[in-house]
């Protein structure tokens, strides 16, 4: 694993400064620096307070027990320097790694199916091209080879899946955060095997069902909007495919995605639904103004870029306030119904 810090352009360690953010993502000419600076002027103090609270409340990051307090702290954000250790703990990836410490090394020594390797290599060049660690100019310090290693190991650990487009963005962002191939592998393998529905199965049944489930949630929480969109012919299978497949990694601001993942690793995939429902709820009026199917599709493409998604702290507060109660048992029953319907269609 290359030393990523050596490849970071000078002056990018500070939020809001420079053309490259702390994770190596280049900011385009369209980037709203003014809004970002305004947000970060208050958010930085929030981050500082949270870091202090984390370190005083949880003395050992390698012994975190699930509790209401831990959930509350994760929802308010895990400090960046603690995030790798906390993610490994709350996801139980560290436990799985300890139980099979040689697994990643063993998988790396095995031969990957040539067709799978070819698909992975094609997608590596499409992974975060705007990130300095994945760009064509990144050598030395490129994360392309570590990304290939992780994805090939994932395909060998999950032979029934192989490789699915979207995995590259998840593995890529995990590498940027974890700075360790092995830990990135274990987190991704844990996501696939214990946290997410079977999103990456070749038949795509689970991810299709999850989009249908989103439609059912809109029908439950926003019946007038659901009726309007149904009248326009909006098919839910066209709405959230990329959102769920890449866990928002390639569609929302990176700071917001990391905050979503802080909750995902502890609370499970319901968080992804809360995010989707929040995006739709906050843009309800825009969607109600649509008079035809193409207009609605454009709004759905645009809402992940809404300025509110940049203000990650406010957005994360909204995903629990705006969506209201979503009992786990009810969501599970609704998901099972959507899976049955997807299998029949």
C-alpha atoms as a PDB file:
ATOM      1  CA  UNK A   1       0.000   0.000   0.000  1.00  0.00           C
ATOM      2  CA  UNK A   2       1.583   3.299  -1.033  1.00  0.00           C
ATOM      3  CA  UNK A   3       2.120   6.155   1.397  1.00  0.00           C
ATOM      4  CA  UNK A   4      -0.782   8.356   0.383  1.00  0.00           C
ATOM      5  CA  UNK A   5       0.398  11.368   2.329  1.00  0.00           C
ATOM      6  CA  UNK A   6       3.427  11.730   0.049  1.00  0.00           C
ATOM      7  CA  UNK A   7       1.188  12.088  -2.974  1.00  0.00           C
ATOM      8  CA  UNK A   8      -1.087  14.777  -1.534  1.00  0.00           C
ATOM      9  CA  UNK A   9      -0.618  18.210  -3.070  1.00  0.00           C
ATOM     10  CA  UNK A  10       0.639  20.803  -0.597  1.00  0.00           C
ATOM     11  CA  UNK A  11      -1.953  22.833   1.243  1.00  0.00           C
ATOM     12  CA  UNK A  12      -4.767  20.305   0.877  1.00  0.00           C
ATOM     13  CA  UNK A  13      -4.802  19.033   4.432  1.00  0.00           C
ATOM     14  CA  UNK A  14      -7.022  21.925   5.471  1.00  0.00           C
ATOM     15  CA  UNK A  15     -10.734  21.810   4.725  1.00  0.00           C
ATOM     16  CA  UNK A  16     -11.941  24.374   2.222  1.00  0.00           C
ATOM     17  CA  UNK A  17      -8.506  25.269   0.852  1.00  0.00           C
ATOM     18  CA  UNK A  18      -6.905  24.372  -2.455  1.00  0.00           C
ATOM     19  CA  UNK A  19      -8.198  22.604  -5.504  1.00  0.00           C
ATOM     20  CA  UNK A  20      -7.873  19.151  -3.944  1.00  0.00           C
ATOM     21  CA  UNK A  21      -9.732  18.042  -0.835  1.00  0.00           C
ATOM     22  CA  UNK A  22      -8.172  16.030   2.030  1.00  0.00           C
ATOM     23  CA  UNK A  23      -9.074  12.742   0.325  1.00  0.00           C
ATOM     24  CA  UNK A  24      -7.481  13.669  -2.989  1.00  0.00           C
ATOM     25  CA  UNK A  25     -10.609  14.693  -4.914  1.00  0.00           C
ATOM     26  CA  UNK A  26     -10.067  17.610  -7.275  1.00  0.00           C
ATOM     27  CA  UNK A  27     -12.563  20.443  -7.060  1.00  0.00           C
ATOM     28  CA  UNK A  28     -13.904  21.515 -10.414  1.00  0.00           C
ATOM     29  CA  UNK A  29     -14.449  25.047 -11.645  1.00  0.00           C
ATOM     30  CA  UNK A  30     -18.141  24.608 -10.761  1.00  0.00           C
ATOM     31  CA  UNK A  31     -17.350  23.834  -7.114  1.00  0.00           C
ATOM     32  CA  UNK A  32     -19.146  26.262  -4.799  1.00  0.00           C
ATOM     33  CA  UNK A  33     -16.190  27.375  -2.664  1.00  0.00           C
ATOM     34  CA  UNK A  34     -18.190  30.170  -1.031  1.00  0.00           C
ATOM     35  CA  UNK A  35     -20.888  27.851   0.305  1.00  0.00           C
ATOM     36  CA  UNK A  36     -18.316  25.271   1.344  1.00  0.00           C
ATOM     37  CA  UNK A  37     -16.218  27.835   3.205  1.00  0.00           C
ATOM     38  CA  UNK A  38     -19.329  29.097   4.978  1.00  0.00           C
ATOM     39  CA  UNK A  39     -20.319  25.595   6.018  1.00  0.00           C
ATOM     40  CA  UNK A  40     -16.827  24.562   7.121  1.00  0.00           C
ATOM     41  CA  UNK A  41     -16.388  27.728   9.208  1.00  0.00           C
ATOM     42  CA  UNK A  42     -18.844  26.262  11.701  1.00  0.00           C
ATOM     43  CA  UNK A  43     -18.399  22.542  10.977  1.00  0.00           C
ATOM     44  CA  UNK A  44     -14.702  22.550  11.889  1.00  0.00           C
ATOM     45  CA  UNK A  45     -15.532  23.525  15.463  1.00  0.00           C
ATOM     46  CA  UNK A  46     -18.159  20.778  15.515  1.00  0.00           C
ATOM     47  CA  UNK A  47     -15.547  18.258  14.350  1.00  0.00           C
ATOM     48  CA  UNK A  48     -13.170  19.387  17.080  1.00  0.00           C
ATOM     49  CA  UNK A  49     -15.818  19.000  19.778  1.00  0.00           C
ATOM     50  CA  UNK A  50     -16.829  15.578  18.481  1.00  0.00           C
ATOM     51  CA  UNK A  51     -13.228  14.366  18.450  1.00  0.00           C
ATOM     52  CA  UNK A  52     -12.793  15.451  22.058  1.00  0.00           C
ATOM     53  CA  UNK A  53     -16.051  13.765  23.091  1.00  0.00           C
ATOM     54  CA  UNK A  54     -15.128  10.520  21.308  1.00  0.00           C
ATOM     55  CA  UNK A  55     -11.719  10.307  22.938  1.00  0.00           C
ATOM     56  CA  UNK A  56     -13.057  11.051  26.420  1.00  0.00           C
ATOM     57  CA  UNK A  57     -16.069   8.736  26.102  1.00  0.00           C
ATOM     58  CA  UNK A  58     -14.422   5.738  24.435  1.00  0.00           C
ATOM     59  CA  UNK A  59     -10.982   5.167  25.904  1.00  0.00           C
ATOM     60  CA  UNK A  60     -10.265   2.088  23.783  1.00  0.00           C
ATOM     61  CA  UNK A  61     -11.343   1.987  20.161  1.00  0.00           C
ATOM     62  CA  UNK A  62     -10.641  -1.750  19.985  1.00  0.00           C
ATOM     63  CA  UNK A  63     -13.365  -2.628  22.490  1.00  0.00           C
ATOM     64  CA  UNK A  64     -16.536  -0.826  21.400  1.00  0.00           C
ATOM     65  CA  UNK A  65     -19.794  -2.426  22.489  1.00  0.00           C
ATOM     66  CA  UNK A  66     -23.044  -1.675  20.695  1.00  0.00           C
ATOM     67  CA  UNK A  67     -25.076   0.765  22.753  1.00  0.00           C
ATOM     68  CA  UNK A  68     -27.420   3.711  22.411  1.00  0.00           C
ATOM     69  CA  UNK A  69     -24.498   5.952  23.247  1.00  0.00           C
ATOM     70  CA  UNK A  70     -22.343   4.488  20.481  1.00  0.00           C
ATOM     71  CA  UNK A  71     -25.222   4.836  18.001  1.00  0.00           C
ATOM     72  CA  UNK A  72     -25.698   8.471  18.997  1.00  0.00           C
ATOM     73  CA  UNK A  73     -22.003   9.177  18.598  1.00  0.00           C
ATOM     74  CA  UNK A  74     -21.828   7.469  15.188  1.00  0.00           C
ATOM     75  CA  UNK A  75     -24.837   9.429  13.975  1.00  0.00           C
ATOM     76  CA  UNK A  76     -23.065  12.652  14.962  1.00  0.00           C
ATOM     77  CA  UNK A  77     -19.950  11.589  13.076  1.00  0.00           C
ATOM     78  CA  UNK A  78     -16.790   9.602  13.737  1.00  0.00           C
ATOM     79  CA  UNK A  79     -13.611  11.743  13.826  1.00  0.00           C
ATOM     80  CA  UNK A  80     -11.488  11.167  10.741  1.00  0.00           C
ATOM     81  CA  UNK A  81      -8.426   9.910  12.615  1.00  0.00           C
ATOM     82  CA  UNK A  82     -10.543   7.388  14.547  1.00  0.00           C
ATOM     83  CA  UNK A  83     -12.687   6.291  11.614  1.00  0.00           C
ATOM     84  CA  UNK A  84     -10.514   3.360  10.402  1.00  0.00           C
ATOM     85  CA  UNK A  85     -10.409   1.700  13.830  1.00  0.00           C
ATOM     86  CA  UNK A  86     -14.040   2.457  14.668  1.00  0.00           C
ATOM     87  CA  UNK A  87     -15.329   1.155  11.332  1.00  0.00           C
ATOM     88  CA  UNK A  88     -13.419  -2.100  11.828  1.00  0.00           C
ATOM     89  CA  UNK A  89     -14.929  -2.485  15.298  1.00  0.00           C
ATOM     90  CA  UNK A  90     -18.567  -1.514  14.758  1.00  0.00           C
ATOM     91  CA  UNK A  91     -18.874  -3.546  11.554  1.00  0.00           C
ATOM     92  CA  UNK A  92     -17.337  -6.602  13.265  1.00  0.00           C
ATOM     93  CA  UNK A  93     -14.770  -6.715  10.442  1.00  0.00           C
ATOM     94  CA  UNK A  94     -11.970  -6.721  13.042  1.00  0.00           C
ATOM     95  CA  UNK A  95     -13.484  -9.817  14.674  1.00  0.00           C
ATOM     96  CA  UNK A  96     -13.721 -11.612  11.327  1.00  0.00           C
ATOM     97  CA  UNK A  97     -10.146 -10.603  10.494  1.00  0.00           C
ATOM     98  CA  UNK A  98      -8.867 -11.916  13.849  1.00  0.00           C
ATOM     99  CA  UNK A  99     -10.649 -15.233  13.265  1.00  0.00           C
ATOM    100  CA  UNK A 100      -8.963 -15.726   9.875  1.00  0.00           C
ATOM    101  CA  UNK A 101      -5.798 -13.577   9.889  1.00  0.00           C
ATOM    102  CA  UNK A 102      -4.236 -15.195   6.819  1.00  0.00           C
ATOM    103  CA  UNK A 103      -7.294 -14.979   4.595  1.00  0.00           C
ATOM    104  CA  UNK A 104      -6.297 -11.880   2.616  1.00  0.00           C
ATOM    105  CA  UNK A 105      -2.758 -13.166   2.030  1.00  0.00           C
ATOM    106  CA  UNK A 106      -4.142 -16.532   0.945  1.00  0.00           C
ATOM    107  CA  UNK A 107      -6.628 -14.958  -1.461  1.00  0.00           C
ATOM    108  CA  UNK A 108      -3.911 -12.744  -2.941  1.00  0.00           C
ATOM    109  CA  UNK A 109      -1.905 -15.869  -3.777  1.00  0.00           C
ATOM    110  CA  UNK A 110      -4.771 -17.418  -5.740  1.00  0.00           C
ATOM    111  CA  UNK A 111      -5.526 -16.930  -9.409  1.00  0.00           C
ATOM    112  CA  UNK A 112      -8.555 -14.795 -10.229  1.00  0.00           C
ATOM    113  CA  UNK A 113     -10.945 -15.836 -12.976  1.00  0.00           C
ATOM    114  CA  UNK A 114      -9.610 -14.130 -16.154  1.00  0.00           C
ATOM    115  CA  UNK A 115     -13.029 -12.753 -17.114  1.00  0.00           C
ATOM    116  CA  UNK A 116     -13.426 -11.231 -13.642  1.00  0.00           C
ATOM    117  CA  UNK A 117      -9.926  -9.725 -13.778  1.00  0.00           C
ATOM    118  CA  UNK A 118     -10.693  -8.192 -17.151  1.00  0.00           C
ATOM    119  CA  UNK A 119     -13.869  -6.553 -15.837  1.00  0.00           C
ATOM    120  CA  UNK A 120     -12.020  -5.225 -12.807  1.00  0.00           C
ATOM    121  CA  UNK A 121      -9.202  -3.769 -14.910  1.00  0.00           C
ATOM    122  CA  UNK A 122     -11.707  -1.987 -17.146  1.00  0.00           C
ATOM    123  CA  UNK A 123     -13.406  -0.374 -14.148  1.00  0.00           C
ATOM    124  CA  UNK A 124     -10.207   0.600 -12.351  1.00  0.00           C
ATOM    125  CA  UNK A 125      -9.573   3.219 -15.022  1.00  0.00           C
ATOM    126  CA  UNK A 126     -13.082   4.598 -14.417  1.00  0.00           C
ATOM    127  CA  UNK A 127     -12.689   4.797 -10.644  1.00  0.00           C
ATOM    128  CA  UNK A 128     -12.564   8.338  -9.287  1.00  0.00           C
ATOM    129  CA  UNK A 129     -10.646   9.809 -12.250  1.00  0.00           C
ATOM    130  CA  UNK A 130     -10.908  13.180 -10.494  1.00  0.00           C
ATOM    131  CA  UNK A 131      -8.922  11.842  -7.522  1.00  0.00           C
ATOM    132  CA  UNK A 132      -5.162  12.387  -7.483  1.00  0.00           C
ATOM    133  CA  UNK A 133      -4.545   8.896  -6.074  1.00  0.00           C
ATOM    134  CA  UNK A 134      -6.403   7.211  -8.937  1.00  0.00           C
ATOM    135  CA  UNK A 135      -5.480   9.559 -11.784  1.00  0.00           C
ATOM    136  CA  UNK A 136      -3.207   8.629 -14.670  1.00  0.00           C
ATOM    137  CA  UNK A 137      -0.582  10.931 -13.150  1.00  0.00           C
ATOM    138  CA  UNK A 138      -0.662   9.330  -9.702  1.00  0.00           C
ATOM    139  CA  UNK A 139       2.484   7.194 -10.022  1.00  0.00           C
ATOM    140  CA  UNK A 140       4.243   6.788  -7.685  1.00  0.00           C
ATOM    141  CA  UNK A 141       1.644   6.471  -4.953  1.00  0.00           C
ATOM    142  CA  UNK A 142      -1.136   5.235  -7.198  1.00  0.00           C
ATOM    143  CA  UNK A 143      -3.953   3.270  -5.586  1.00  0.00           C
ATOM    144  CA  UNK A 144      -4.852   1.487  -8.809  1.00  0.00           C
ATOM    145  CA  UNK A 145      -2.905  -1.681  -8.005  1.00  0.00           C
ATOM    146  CA  UNK A 146      -4.160  -1.862  -4.397  1.00  0.00           C
ATOM    147  CA  UNK A 147      -7.688  -1.380  -5.776  1.00  0.00           C
ATOM    148  CA  UNK A 148      -7.173  -4.262  -8.200  1.00  0.00           C
ATOM    149  CA  UNK A 149      -5.815  -6.422  -5.378  1.00  0.00           C
ATOM    150  CA  UNK A 150      -8.791  -5.750  -3.110  1.00  0.00           C
ATOM    151  CA  UNK A 151     -11.394  -6.321  -5.824  1.00  0.00           C
ATOM    152  CA  UNK A 152      -9.776  -9.563  -6.964  1.00  0.00           C
ATOM    153  CA  UNK A 153      -9.664 -10.783  -3.361  1.00  0.00           C
ATOM    154  CA  UNK A 154     -13.332  -9.871  -2.948  1.00  0.00           C
ATOM    155  CA  UNK A 155     -14.209 -11.881  -6.076  1.00  0.00           C
ATOM    156  CA  UNK A 156     -12.362 -14.912  -4.694  1.00  0.00           C
ATOM    157  CA  UNK A 157     -13.971 -14.552  -1.265  1.00  0.00           C
ATOM    158  CA  UNK A 158     -17.407 -14.295  -2.897  1.00  0.00           C
ATOM    159  CA  UNK A 159     -17.203 -16.594  -5.954  1.00  0.00           C
ATOM    160  CA  UNK A 160     -20.979 -16.573  -6.412  1.00  0.00           C
ATOM    161  CA  UNK A 161     -20.728 -12.839  -7.103  1.00  0.00           C
ATOM    162  CA  UNK A 162     -17.436 -12.384  -8.889  1.00  0.00           C
ATOM    163  CA  UNK A 163     -17.325  -8.697  -9.686  1.00  0.00           C
ATOM    164  CA  UNK A 164     -20.104  -6.132 -10.126  1.00  0.00           C
ATOM    165  CA  UNK A 165     -19.838  -2.564 -11.352  1.00  0.00           C
ATOM    166  CA  UNK A 166     -20.045  -0.203  -8.405  1.00  0.00           C
ATOM    167  CA  UNK A 167     -17.798  -2.305  -6.197  1.00  0.00           C
ATOM    168  CA  UNK A 168     -14.824  -0.315  -7.485  1.00  0.00           C
ATOM    169  CA  UNK A 169     -16.083   2.936  -5.944  1.00  0.00           C
ATOM    170  CA  UNK A 170     -16.697   1.312  -2.565  1.00  0.00           C
ATOM    171  CA  UNK A 171     -13.283  -0.343  -2.489  1.00  0.00           C
ATOM    172  CA  UNK A 172     -11.628   2.846  -3.741  1.00  0.00           C
ATOM    173  CA  UNK A 173     -13.126   5.016  -1.005  1.00  0.00           C
ATOM    174  CA  UNK A 174     -12.314   2.387   1.624  1.00  0.00           C
ATOM    175  CA  UNK A 175      -8.672   2.485   0.501  1.00  0.00           C
ATOM    176  CA  UNK A 176      -8.620   6.269   0.790  1.00  0.00           C
ATOM    177  CA  UNK A 177      -9.931   6.087   4.355  1.00  0.00           C
ATOM    178  CA  UNK A 178      -8.305   2.916   5.686  1.00  0.00           C
ATOM    179  CA  UNK A 179      -4.886   3.290   3.983  1.00  0.00           C
ATOM    180  CA  UNK A 180      -4.619  -0.494   4.200  1.00  0.00           C
ATOM    181  CA  UNK A 181      -5.436  -3.049   1.514  1.00  0.00           C
ATOM    182  CA  UNK A 182      -6.163  -5.762   4.044  1.00  0.00           C
ATOM    183  CA  UNK A 183      -8.522  -3.666   6.167  1.00  0.00           C
ATOM    184  CA  UNK A 184     -10.269  -2.292   3.080  1.00  0.00           C
ATOM    185  CA  UNK A 185     -10.804  -5.897   1.971  1.00  0.00           C
ATOM    186  CA  UNK A 186     -12.222  -6.964   5.329  1.00  0.00           C
ATOM    187  CA  UNK A 187     -14.600  -4.025   5.534  1.00  0.00           C
ATOM    188  CA  UNK A 188     -15.883  -4.607   2.018  1.00  0.00           C
ATOM    189  CA  UNK A 189     -16.198  -8.359   2.548  1.00  0.00           C
ATOM    190  CA  UNK A 190     -18.135  -7.675   5.747  1.00  0.00           C
ATOM    191  CA  UNK A 191     -20.434  -5.256   3.928  1.00  0.00           C
ATOM    192  CA  UNK A 192     -21.186  -7.895   1.303  1.00  0.00           C
ATOM    193  CA  UNK A 193     -21.547 -10.884   3.612  1.00  0.00           C
ATOM    194  CA  UNK A 194     -23.196  -9.476   6.733  1.00  0.00           C
ATOM    195  CA  UNK A 195     -24.488  -5.910   6.302  1.00  0.00           C
ATOM    196  CA  UNK A 196     -26.030  -5.354   2.866  1.00  0.00           C
ATOM    197  CA  UNK A 197     -28.798  -7.179   1.040  1.00  0.00           C
ATOM    198  CA  UNK A 198     -27.429  -9.288  -1.826  1.00  0.00           C
ATOM    199  CA  UNK A 199     -26.955  -6.199  -4.021  1.00  0.00           C
ATOM    200  CA  UNK A 200     -24.179  -7.668  -6.156  1.00  0.00           C
ATOM    201  CA  UNK A 201     -25.756 -10.969  -7.144  1.00  0.00           C
ATOM    202  CA  UNK A 202     -25.758 -11.496 -10.927  1.00  0.00           C
ATOM    203  CA  UNK A 203     -29.570 -11.554 -11.054  1.00  0.00           C
ATOM    204  CA  UNK A 204     -29.741  -8.086  -9.399  1.00  0.00           C
ATOM    205  CA  UNK A 205     -32.929  -9.191  -7.617  1.00  0.00           C
ATOM    206  CA  UNK A 206     -31.972  -7.665  -4.265  1.00  0.00           C
ATOM    207  CA  UNK A 207     -31.037  -4.241  -5.607  1.00  0.00           C
ATOM    208  CA  UNK A 208     -34.201  -4.141  -7.735  1.00  0.00           C
ATOM    209  CA  UNK A 209     -36.248  -5.082  -4.665  1.00  0.00           C
ATOM    210  CA  UNK A 210     -34.529  -2.346  -2.652  1.00  0.00           C
ATOM    211  CA  UNK A 211     -35.623   0.251  -5.203  1.00  0.00           C
ATOM    212  CA  UNK A 212     -39.151  -1.108  -5.061  1.00  0.00           C
ATOM    213  CA  UNK A 213     -38.894  -0.894  -1.271  1.00  0.00           C
ATOM    214  CA  UNK A 214     -37.930   2.781  -1.629  1.00  0.00           C
ATOM    215  CA  UNK A 215     -41.098   3.254  -3.673  1.00  0.00           C
ATOM    216  CA  UNK A 216     -43.128   1.626  -0.911  1.00  0.00           C
ATOM    217  CA  UNK A 217     -41.531   3.912   1.657  1.00  0.00           C
ATOM    218  CA  UNK A 218     -42.460   6.953  -0.434  1.00  0.00           C
ATOM    219  CA  UNK A 219     -46.004   5.584  -0.703  1.00  0.00           C
ATOM    220  CA  UNK A 220     -46.098   5.218   3.109  1.00  0.00           C
ATOM    221  CA  UNK A 221     -44.460   8.530   4.026  1.00  0.00           C
ATOM    222  CA  UNK A 222     -45.372  10.755   1.049  1.00  0.00           C
ATOM    223  CA  UNK A 223     -48.555   9.312  -0.500  1.00  0.00           C
ATOM    224  CA  UNK A 224     -49.348  12.432  -2.549  1.00  0.00           C
ATOM    225  CA  UNK A 225     -45.894  12.439  -4.133  1.00  0.00           C
ATOM    226  CA  UNK A 226     -46.053   8.699  -4.783  1.00  0.00           C
ATOM    227  CA  UNK A 227     -49.374   9.099  -6.567  1.00  0.00           C
ATOM    228  CA  UNK A 228     -47.997  11.997  -8.641  1.00  0.00           C
ATOM    229  CA  UNK A 229     -44.886  10.072  -9.702  1.00  0.00           C
ATOM    230  CA  UNK A 230     -46.904   6.968 -10.517  1.00  0.00           C
ATOM    231  CA  UNK A 231     -49.065   9.139 -12.729  1.00  0.00           C
ATOM    232  CA  UNK A 232     -45.970  10.313 -14.578  1.00  0.00           C
ATOM    233  CA  UNK A 233     -44.915   6.715 -15.161  1.00  0.00           C
ATOM    234  CA  UNK A 234     -41.847   6.860 -12.917  1.00  0.00           C
ATOM    235  CA  UNK A 235     -40.461   3.382 -12.329  1.00  0.00           C
ATOM    236  CA  UNK A 236     -38.647   3.004  -9.043  1.00  0.00           C
ATOM    237  CA  UNK A 237     -36.117   0.635 -10.610  1.00  0.00           C
ATOM    238  CA  UNK A 238     -34.760   3.685 -12.461  1.00  0.00           C
ATOM    239  CA  UNK A 239     -34.406   5.885  -9.389  1.00  0.00           C
ATOM    240  CA  UNK A 240     -31.881   4.517  -6.924  1.00  0.00           C
ATOM    241  CA  UNK A 241     -29.850   1.843  -8.720  1.00  0.00           C
ATOM    242  CA  UNK A 242     -26.552   3.715  -8.611  1.00  0.00           C
ATOM    243  CA  UNK A 243     -27.294   5.123  -5.153  1.00  0.00           C
ATOM    244  CA  UNK A 244     -27.533   1.650  -3.644  1.00  0.00           C
ATOM    245  CA  UNK A 245     -24.935  -0.156  -5.769  1.00  0.00           C
ATOM    246  CA  UNK A 246     -22.102   2.238  -4.873  1.00  0.00           C
ATOM    247  CA  UNK A 247     -23.517   3.193  -1.436  1.00  0.00           C
ATOM    248  CA  UNK A 248     -23.590   6.829  -2.640  1.00  0.00           C
ATOM    249  CA  UNK A 249     -19.795   6.825  -3.046  1.00  0.00           C
ATOM    250  CA  UNK A 250     -19.803   8.180  -6.588  1.00  0.00           C
ATOM    251  CA  UNK A 251     -22.854  10.429  -6.387  1.00  0.00           C
ATOM    252  CA  UNK A 252     -22.633  12.532  -3.208  1.00  0.00           C
ATOM    253  CA  UNK A 253     -19.933  14.712  -1.585  1.00  0.00           C
ATOM    254  CA  UNK A 254     -17.284  12.537   0.021  1.00  0.00           C
ATOM    255  CA  UNK A 255     -17.652  14.024   3.525  1.00  0.00           C
ATOM    256  CA  UNK A 256     -21.365  13.230   3.436  1.00  0.00           C
ATOM    257  CA  UNK A 257     -20.770   9.701   2.155  1.00  0.00           C
ATOM    258  CA  UNK A 258     -18.341   9.032   5.000  1.00  0.00           C
ATOM    259  CA  UNK A 259     -20.904  10.242   7.513  1.00  0.00           C
ATOM    260  CA  UNK A 260     -23.490   7.914   5.944  1.00  0.00           C
ATOM    261  CA  UNK A 261     -21.031   5.035   6.208  1.00  0.00           C
ATOM    262  CA  UNK A 262     -20.383   5.877   9.890  1.00  0.00           C
ATOM    263  CA  UNK A 263     -23.988   4.818  10.458  1.00  0.00           C
ATOM    264  CA  UNK A 264     -24.106   2.078   7.821  1.00  0.00           C
ATOM    265  CA  UNK A 265     -21.377   0.013   9.469  1.00  0.00           C
ATOM    266  CA  UNK A 266     -23.216   0.090  12.804  1.00  0.00           C
ATOM    267  CA  UNK A 267     -26.907   0.216  11.913  1.00  0.00           C
ATOM    268  CA  UNK A 268     -27.068  -1.624   8.605  1.00  0.00           C
ATOM    269  CA  UNK A 269     -28.574  -0.991   5.199  1.00  0.00           C
ATOM    270  CA  UNK A 270     -31.687   0.826   6.467  1.00  0.00           C
ATOM    271  CA  UNK A 271     -29.446   3.901   6.542  1.00  0.00           C
ATOM    272  CA  UNK A 272     -29.228   3.810   2.743  1.00  0.00           C
ATOM    273  CA  UNK A 273     -33.019   3.936   2.552  1.00  0.00           C
ATOM    274  CA  UNK A 274     -33.144   6.846   4.992  1.00  0.00           C
ATOM    275  CA  UNK A 275     -30.728   8.778   2.792  1.00  0.00           C
ATOM    276  CA  UNK A 276     -32.769   8.098  -0.355  1.00  0.00           C
ATOM    277  CA  UNK A 277     -36.049   8.990   1.338  1.00  0.00           C
ATOM    278  CA  UNK A 278     -34.530  12.191   2.723  1.00  0.00           C
ATOM    279  CA  UNK A 279     -33.276  13.251  -0.715  1.00  0.00           C
ATOM    280  CA  UNK A 280     -36.751  12.698  -2.132  1.00  0.00           C
ATOM    281  CA  UNK A 281     -38.549  14.382   0.782  1.00  0.00           C
ATOM    282  CA  UNK A 282     -36.371  17.483   0.687  1.00  0.00           C
ATOM    283  CA  UNK A 283     -37.067  17.769  -3.045  1.00  0.00           C
ATOM    284  CA  UNK A 284     -40.759  16.934  -2.833  1.00  0.00           C
ATOM    285  CA  UNK A 285     -41.925  20.295  -4.191  1.00  0.00           C
ATOM    286  CA  UNK A 286     -39.582  20.072  -7.194  1.00  0.00           C
ATOM    287  CA  UNK A 287     -40.870  16.603  -7.994  1.00  0.00           C
ATOM    288  CA  UNK A 288     -44.511  17.649  -7.616  1.00  0.00           C
ATOM    289  CA  UNK A 289     -43.917  20.403 -10.179  1.00  0.00           C
ATOM    290  CA  UNK A 290     -42.803  17.865 -12.801  1.00  0.00           C
ATOM    291  CA  UNK A 291     -45.363  17.436 -15.541  1.00  0.00           C
ATOM    292  CA  UNK A 292     -43.775  14.540 -17.412  1.00  0.00           C
ATOM    293  CA  UNK A 293     -41.504  11.554 -16.974  1.00  0.00           C
ATOM    294  CA  UNK A 294     -38.264  13.110 -18.389  1.00  0.00           C
ATOM    295  CA  UNK A 295     -38.567  16.079 -16.007  1.00  0.00           C
ATOM    296  CA  UNK A 296     -38.886  13.739 -13.023  1.00  0.00           C
ATOM    297  CA  UNK A 297     -35.872  11.717 -14.144  1.00  0.00           C
ATOM    298  CA  UNK A 298     -33.763  14.876 -14.360  1.00  0.00           C
ATOM    299  CA  UNK A 299     -34.781  15.918 -10.849  1.00  0.00           C
ATOM    300  CA  UNK A 300     -33.805  12.498  -9.487  1.00  0.00           C
ATOM    301  CA  UNK A 301     -30.412  12.842 -11.180  1.00  0.00           C
ATOM    302  CA  UNK A 302     -29.975  16.302  -9.707  1.00  0.00           C
ATOM    303  CA  UNK A 303     -31.085  15.829  -6.104  1.00  0.00           C
ATOM    304  CA  UNK A 304     -27.864  14.103  -5.029  1.00  0.00           C
ATOM    305  CA  UNK A 305     -26.132  17.373  -5.982  1.00  0.00           C
ATOM    306  CA  UNK A 306     -28.509  19.521  -3.930  1.00  0.00           C
ATOM    307  CA  UNK A 307     -26.538  22.044  -1.797  1.00  0.00           C
ATOM    308  CA  UNK A 308     -27.966  20.439   1.341  1.00  0.00           C
ATOM    309  CA  UNK A 309     -25.892  17.300   0.635  1.00  0.00           C
ATOM    310  CA  UNK A 310     -22.726  19.375   0.958  1.00  0.00           C
ATOM    311  CA  UNK A 311     -23.621  20.342   4.523  1.00  0.00           C
ATOM    312  CA  UNK A 312     -23.071  16.843   5.808  1.00  0.00           C
ATOM    313  CA  UNK A 313     -23.852  17.553   9.466  1.00  0.00           C
ATOM    314  CA  UNK A 314     -27.258  19.072   8.703  1.00  0.00           C
ATOM    315  CA  UNK A 315     -27.986  16.403   6.113  1.00  0.00           C
ATOM    316  CA  UNK A 316     -27.260  13.599   8.575  1.00  0.00           C
ATOM    317  CA  UNK A 317     -29.543  15.197  11.147  1.00  0.00           C
ATOM    318  CA  UNK A 318     -32.227  15.296   8.464  1.00  0.00           C
ATOM    319  CA  UNK A 319     -32.015  11.609   7.565  1.00  0.00           C
ATOM    320  CA  UNK A 320     -33.380  10.791  11.010  1.00  0.00           C
ATOM    321  CA  UNK A 321     -35.683  13.782  11.523  1.00  0.00           C
ATOM    322  CA  UNK A 322     -37.210  13.978   8.031  1.00  0.00           C
ATOM    323  CA  UNK A 323     -37.856  10.265   7.592  1.00  0.00           C
ATOM    324  CA  UNK A 324     -39.322   9.698  11.044  1.00  0.00           C
ATOM    325  CA  UNK A 325     -39.840   6.276  12.567  1.00  0.00           C
ATOM    326  CA  UNK A 326     -38.829   3.299  10.408  1.00  0.00           C
ATOM    327  CA  UNK A 327     -39.192   0.192  12.619  1.00  0.00           C
ATOM    328  CA  UNK A 328     -36.735  -2.530  11.674  1.00  0.00           C
ATOM    329  CA  UNK A 329     -39.348  -5.305  11.706  1.00  0.00           C
ATOM    330  CA  UNK A 330     -41.620  -3.360   9.372  1.00  0.00           C
ATOM    331  CA  UNK A 331     -38.775  -2.596   6.951  1.00  0.00           C
ATOM    332  CA  UNK A 332     -37.738  -6.250   6.991  1.00  0.00           C
ATOM    333  CA  UNK A 333     -41.285  -7.398   6.174  1.00  0.00           C
ATOM    334  CA  UNK A 334     -41.626  -4.802   3.411  1.00  0.00           C
ATOM    335  CA  UNK A 335     -38.258  -5.847   1.937  1.00  0.00           C
ATOM    336  CA  UNK A 336     -39.203  -9.528   1.943  1.00  0.00           C
ATOM    337  CA  UNK A 337     -42.428  -8.689   0.113  1.00  0.00           C
ATOM    338  CA  UNK A 338     -40.513  -6.662  -2.488  1.00  0.00           C
ATOM    339  CA  UNK A 339     -38.035  -9.515  -2.982  1.00  0.00           C
ATOM    340  CA  UNK A 340     -40.882 -11.992  -3.558  1.00  0.00           C
ATOM    341  CA  UNK A 341     -42.455  -9.641  -6.098  1.00  0.00           C
ATOM    342  CA  UNK A 342     -39.105  -9.100  -7.827  1.00  0.00           C
ATOM    343  CA  UNK A 343     -38.601 -12.860  -8.117  1.00  0.00           C
ATOM    344  CA  UNK A 344     -42.034 -13.222  -9.706  1.00  0.00           C
ATOM    345  CA  UNK A 345     -41.580 -10.433 -12.232  1.00  0.00           C
END
